[in-house]
Amino acid sequence: MDSCILSFLNIGLAFFFTVNYFCAYGIVSHTYRLPLSCFLVKDLEALFGLMPEVLLRLPVPEIWILLFFVPVCIVCFLQTEKGE
């Protein structure tokens, strides 16, 4: 039963991150009137550079920042607990 809960939690977090990430790309692309290809990077620059900028533009940014970065911290913590 625990493995099913963790599996669904993993799927939910992956979906949440994906939707959040691409919405952020769309918001920044629309705001700066630049093509989306300008923002596609393959390292942590997007996670820690682009996302805070996007989240600060939303209403009540503190809530959105918590909703985004708490799961990131949880995933990082779980990875270090597993020893990977």
C-alpha atoms as a PDB file:
ATOM      1  CA  MET A   1       0.000   0.000   0.000  1.00  0.00           C
ATOM      2  CA  ASP A   2       2.830   2.424   0.827  1.00  0.00           C
ATOM      3  CA  SER A   3       4.478   1.766  -2.502  1.00  0.00           C
ATOM      4  CA  CYS A   4       1.241   2.630  -4.322  1.00  0.00           C
ATOM      5  CA  ILE A   5       0.938   5.902  -2.416  1.00  0.00           C
ATOM      6  CA  LEU A   6       4.544   6.805  -3.182  1.00  0.00           C
ATOM      7  CA  SER A   7       4.100   5.886  -6.835  1.00  0.00           C
ATOM      8  CA  PHE A   8       1.064   8.123  -7.206  1.00  0.00           C
ATOM      9  CA  LEU A   9       2.829  10.894  -5.306  1.00  0.00           C
ATOM     10  CA  ASN A  10       5.786  10.574  -7.661  1.00  0.00           C
ATOM     11  CA  ILE A  11       3.535  10.753 -10.722  1.00  0.00           C
ATOM     12  CA  GLY A  12       1.675  13.742  -9.278  1.00  0.00           C
ATOM     13  CA  LEU A  13       4.869  15.636  -8.494  1.00  0.00           C
ATOM     14  CA  ALA A  14       6.298  14.908 -11.935  1.00  0.00           C
ATOM     15  CA  PHE A  15       3.118  16.204 -13.572  1.00  0.00           C
ATOM     16  CA  PHE A  16       3.087  19.279 -11.307  1.00  0.00           C
ATOM     17  CA  PHE A  17       6.725  20.101 -12.097  1.00  0.00           C
ATOM     18  CA  THR A  18       6.229  19.644 -15.835  1.00  0.00           C
ATOM     19  CA  VAL A  19       3.136  21.837 -16.032  1.00  0.00           C
ATOM     20  CA  ASN A  20       4.703  24.458 -13.777  1.00  0.00           C
ATOM     21  CA  TYR A  21       7.951  24.511 -15.740  1.00  0.00           C
ATOM     22  CA  PHE A  22       6.403  24.931 -19.169  1.00  0.00           C
ATOM     23  CA  CYS A  23       3.884  27.485 -17.946  1.00  0.00           C
ATOM     24  CA  ALA A  24       6.823  29.491 -16.610  1.00  0.00           C
ATOM     25  CA  TYR A  25       8.539  29.312 -19.988  1.00  0.00           C
ATOM     26  CA  GLY A  26       5.362  30.511 -21.670  1.00  0.00           C
ATOM     27  CA  ILE A  27       4.898  33.406 -19.240  1.00  0.00           C
ATOM     28  CA  VAL A  28       8.456  34.662 -19.665  1.00  0.00           C
ATOM     29  CA  SER A  29       8.359  34.195 -23.421  1.00  0.00           C
ATOM     30  CA  HIS A  30       5.125  36.163 -23.664  1.00  0.00           C
ATOM     31  CA  THR A  31       6.310  38.889 -21.268  1.00  0.00           C
ATOM     32  CA  TYR A  32       9.559  39.578 -23.100  1.00  0.00           C
ATOM     33  CA  ARG A  33       8.077  38.922 -26.562  1.00  0.00           C
ATOM     34  CA  LEU A  34      10.831  36.436 -27.377  1.00  0.00           C
ATOM     35  CA  PRO A  35      10.539  33.004 -28.983  1.00  0.00           C
ATOM     36  CA  LEU A  36      10.335  30.083 -26.594  1.00  0.00           C
ATOM     37  CA  SER A  37      13.585  28.633 -27.960  1.00  0.00           C
ATOM     38  CA  CYS A  38      15.529  31.464 -26.263  1.00  0.00           C
ATOM     39  CA  PHE A  39      14.655  30.075 -22.839  1.00  0.00           C
ATOM     40  CA  LEU A  40      15.337  26.394 -23.337  1.00  0.00           C
ATOM     41  CA  VAL A  41      18.367  25.572 -21.203  1.00  0.00           C
ATOM     42  CA  LYS A  42      19.531  22.187 -19.986  1.00  0.00           C
ATOM     43  CA  ASP A  43      20.935  22.957 -16.559  1.00  0.00           C
ATOM     44  CA  LEU A  44      19.766  24.330 -13.228  1.00  0.00           C
ATOM     45  CA  GLU A  45      19.772  27.897 -14.536  1.00  0.00           C
ATOM     46  CA  ALA A  46      16.099  27.589 -15.445  1.00  0.00           C
ATOM     47  CA  LEU A  47      15.145  26.095 -12.103  1.00  0.00           C
ATOM     48  CA  PHE A  48      16.900  28.661  -9.925  1.00  0.00           C
ATOM     49  CA  GLY A  49      17.053  31.594 -12.346  1.00  0.00           C
ATOM     50  CA  LEU A  50      13.873  31.560 -14.381  1.00  0.00           C
ATOM     51  CA  MET A  51      11.376  30.130 -11.892  1.00  0.00           C
ATOM     52  CA  PRO A  52      11.898  32.700  -9.094  1.00  0.00           C
ATOM     53  CA  GLU A  53      11.453  35.507 -11.604  1.00  0.00           C
ATOM     54  CA  VAL A  54       8.226  34.002 -12.878  1.00  0.00           C
ATOM     55  CA  LEU A  55       6.881  33.173  -9.437  1.00  0.00           C
ATOM     56  CA  LEU A  56       7.513  36.708  -8.194  1.00  0.00           C
ATOM     57  CA  ARG A  57       5.212  38.038 -10.929  1.00  0.00           C
ATOM     58  CA  LEU A  58       2.242  36.005  -9.699  1.00  0.00           C
ATOM     59  CA  PRO A  59      -0.233  37.308  -7.114  1.00  0.00           C
ATOM     60  CA  VAL A  60       0.829  36.375  -3.552  1.00  0.00           C
ATOM     61  CA  PRO A  61       4.238  35.112  -4.700  1.00  0.00           C
ATOM     62  CA  GLU A  62       5.171  33.674  -1.294  1.00  0.00           C
ATOM     63  CA  ILE A  63       2.556  30.944  -1.638  1.00  0.00           C
ATOM     64  CA  TRP A  64       3.651  30.026  -5.164  1.00  0.00           C
ATOM     65  CA  ILE A  65       7.309  29.951  -4.159  1.00  0.00           C
ATOM     66  CA  LEU A  66       6.500  27.560  -1.329  1.00  0.00           C
ATOM     67  CA  LEU A  67       4.377  25.393  -3.620  1.00  0.00           C
ATOM     68  CA  PHE A  68       7.254  25.118  -6.069  1.00  0.00           C
ATOM     69  CA  PHE A  69      10.374  24.902  -3.928  1.00  0.00           C
ATOM     70  CA  VAL A  70       9.088  22.689  -1.092  1.00  0.00           C
ATOM     71  CA  PRO A  71       8.589  19.738  -3.473  1.00  0.00           C
ATOM     72  CA  VAL A  72      12.040  20.433  -4.954  1.00  0.00           C
ATOM     73  CA  CYS A  73      13.538  20.230  -1.451  1.00  0.00           C
ATOM     74  CA  ILE A  74      11.561  17.061  -0.706  1.00  0.00           C
ATOM     75  CA  VAL A  75      12.811  15.381  -3.871  1.00  0.00           C
ATOM     76  CA  CYS A  76      16.400  16.413  -3.078  1.00  0.00           C
ATOM     77  CA  PHE A  77      16.057  15.141   0.477  1.00  0.00           C
ATOM     78  CA  LEU A  78      14.650  11.809  -0.660  1.00  0.00           C
ATOM     79  CA  GLN A  79      17.477  11.389  -3.153  1.00  0.00           C
ATOM     80  CA  THR A  80      20.125  12.003  -0.472  1.00  0.00           C
ATOM     81  CA  GLU A  81      18.373   9.636   1.944  1.00  0.00           C
ATOM     82  CA  LYS A  82      18.537   6.873  -0.643  1.00  0.00           C
ATOM     83  CA  GLY A  83      22.252   7.512  -1.047  1.00  0.00           C
ATOM     84  CA  GLU A  84      22.154   8.372  -4.733  1.00  0.00           C
END
